C-alpha atoms as a PDB file:
ATOM      1  CA  MET A   1      28.155  44.087 -19.529  1.00  0.00           C
ATOM      2  CA  ILE A   2      27.932  46.331 -22.534  1.00  0.00           C
ATOM      3  CA  ASN A   3      28.877  43.410 -24.731  1.00  0.00           C
ATOM      4  CA  THR A   4      25.965  41.326 -23.455  1.00  0.00           C
ATOM      5  CA  GLY A   5      23.237  43.525 -24.905  1.00  0.00           C
ATOM      6  CA  PHE A   6      23.102  46.422 -22.415  1.00  0.00           C
ATOM      7  CA  HIS A   7      24.211  49.068 -24.852  1.00  0.00           C
ATOM      8  CA  ASN A   8      21.930  51.608 -23.218  1.00  0.00           C
ATOM      9  CA  TRP A   9      23.940  51.565 -19.970  1.00  0.00           C
ATOM     10  CA  THR A  10      26.763  54.068 -19.789  1.00  0.00           C
ATOM     11  CA  MET A  11      30.009  53.608 -17.852  1.00  0.00           C
ATOM     12  CA  LYS A  12      28.779  56.241 -15.406  1.00  0.00           C
ATOM     13  CA  GLU A  13      25.563  54.265 -14.789  1.00  0.00           C
ATOM     14  CA  TYR A  14      27.589  51.054 -14.346  1.00  0.00           C
ATOM     15  CA  GLN A  15      29.808  52.802 -11.770  1.00  0.00           C
ATOM     16  CA  LYS A  16      26.731  54.027  -9.916  1.00  0.00           C
ATOM     17  CA  PHE A  17      25.335  50.478 -10.036  1.00  0.00           C
ATOM     18  CA  ILE A  18      28.524  49.075  -8.491  1.00  0.00           C
ATOM     19  CA  LYS A  19      28.477  51.798  -5.807  1.00  0.00           C
ATOM     20  CA  ALA A  20      24.806  51.014  -5.067  1.00  0.00           C
ATOM     21  CA  ILE A  21      25.324  47.261  -4.710  1.00  0.00           C
ATOM     22  CA  ARG A  22      28.148  47.999  -2.273  1.00  0.00           C
ATOM     23  CA  LYS A  23      25.780  50.089  -0.200  1.00  0.00           C
ATOM     24  CA  TYR A  24      22.475  48.193  -0.439  1.00  0.00           C
ATOM     25  CA  ASP A  25      21.251  44.642  -0.275  1.00  0.00           C
ATOM     26  CA  LEU A  26      20.962  43.074  -3.736  1.00  0.00           C
ATOM     27  CA  LYS A  27      17.228  42.587  -3.177  1.00  0.00           C
ATOM     28  CA  ASP A  28      16.650  46.297  -2.603  1.00  0.00           C
ATOM     29  CA  ILE A  29      16.088  47.191  -6.246  1.00  0.00           C
ATOM     30  CA  HIS A  30      14.369  50.477  -5.415  1.00  0.00           C
ATOM     31  CA  ALA A  31      17.310  51.735  -3.388  1.00  0.00           C
ATOM     32  CA  ILE A  32      19.770  50.629  -6.054  1.00  0.00           C
ATOM     33  CA  SER A  33      17.771  52.287  -8.828  1.00  0.00           C
ATOM     34  CA  SER A  34      17.465  55.501  -6.765  1.00  0.00           C
ATOM     35  CA  MET A  35      21.250  55.854  -6.995  1.00  0.00           C
ATOM     36  CA  ILE A  36      21.039  55.395 -10.777  1.00  0.00           C
ATOM     37  CA  GLU A  37      18.608  58.196 -11.470  1.00  0.00           C
ATOM     38  CA  THR A  38      18.395  57.366 -15.188  1.00  0.00           C
ATOM     39  CA  LYS A  39      17.205  53.741 -14.754  1.00  0.00           C
ATOM     40  CA  SER A  40      13.858  52.399 -13.551  1.00  0.00           C
ATOM     41  CA  PRO A  41      13.666  49.626 -10.960  1.00  0.00           C
ATOM     42  CA  GLU A  42      12.624  47.265 -13.776  1.00  0.00           C
ATOM     43  CA  GLU A  43      15.720  48.153 -15.815  1.00  0.00           C
ATOM     44  CA  VAL A  44      17.944  47.716 -12.778  1.00  0.00           C
ATOM     45  CA  GLN A  45      16.377  44.301 -11.979  1.00  0.00           C
ATOM     46  CA  GLU A  46      16.946  43.145 -15.573  1.00  0.00           C
ATOM     47  CA  TYR A  47      20.555  44.329 -15.448  1.00  0.00           C
ATOM     48  CA  LEU A  48      21.113  42.749 -12.028  1.00  0.00           C
ATOM     49  CA  ASN A  49      19.798  39.395 -13.251  1.00  0.00           C
ATOM     50  CA  VAL A  50      22.382  39.283 -16.033  1.00  0.00           C
ATOM     51  CA  PHE A  51      25.048  40.784 -13.793  1.00  0.00           C
ATOM     52  CA  LEU A  52      24.593  37.950 -11.245  1.00  0.00           C
ATOM     53  CA  LEU A  53      25.013  35.378 -14.004  1.00  0.00           C
ATOM     54  CA  ARG A  54      28.196  36.956 -15.353  1.00  0.00           C
ATOM     55  CA  PHE A  55      29.829  38.828 -12.444  1.00  0.00           C
ATOM     56  CA  ARG A  56      32.673  36.334 -12.102  1.00  0.00           C
ATOM     57  CA  GLU A  57      34.103  37.751 -15.328  1.00  0.00           C
ATOM     58  CA  LEU A  58      34.437  41.234 -13.800  1.00  0.00           C
ATOM     59  CA  LYS A  59      37.045  42.795 -11.538  1.00  0.00           C
ATOM     60  CA  GLU A  60      34.226  43.734  -9.098  1.00  0.00           C
ATOM     61  CA  LYS A  61      33.352  40.050  -8.455  1.00  0.00           C
ATOM     62  CA  ASP A  62      34.472  40.194  -4.831  1.00  0.00           C
ATOM     63  CA  ILE A  63      31.868  42.859  -4.089  1.00  0.00           C
ATOM     64  CA  VAL A  64      29.093  40.531  -5.269  1.00  0.00           C
ATOM     65  CA  ILE A  65      30.476  37.480  -3.551  1.00  0.00           C
ATOM     66  CA  SER A  66      30.489  39.358  -0.231  1.00  0.00           C
ATOM     67  CA  LYS A  67      26.767  40.171  -0.736  1.00  0.00           C
ATOM     68  CA  LEU A  68      25.668  36.601  -1.472  1.00  0.00           C
END
């Protein structure tokens, strides 16, 4: 996702994002963003929107598919 314009997301934030989407419903932006203390709900929503368009390119794709 870094290559798609999200240069301000660190690997640690990405890992927290993946952990959060495993735990919470994809619509629960506030819960997801609470696990990524450095990102606002708006930033998480923007990231999630792109993530959902491109997740099939990632090794974590099965996590997302199970949530849809």
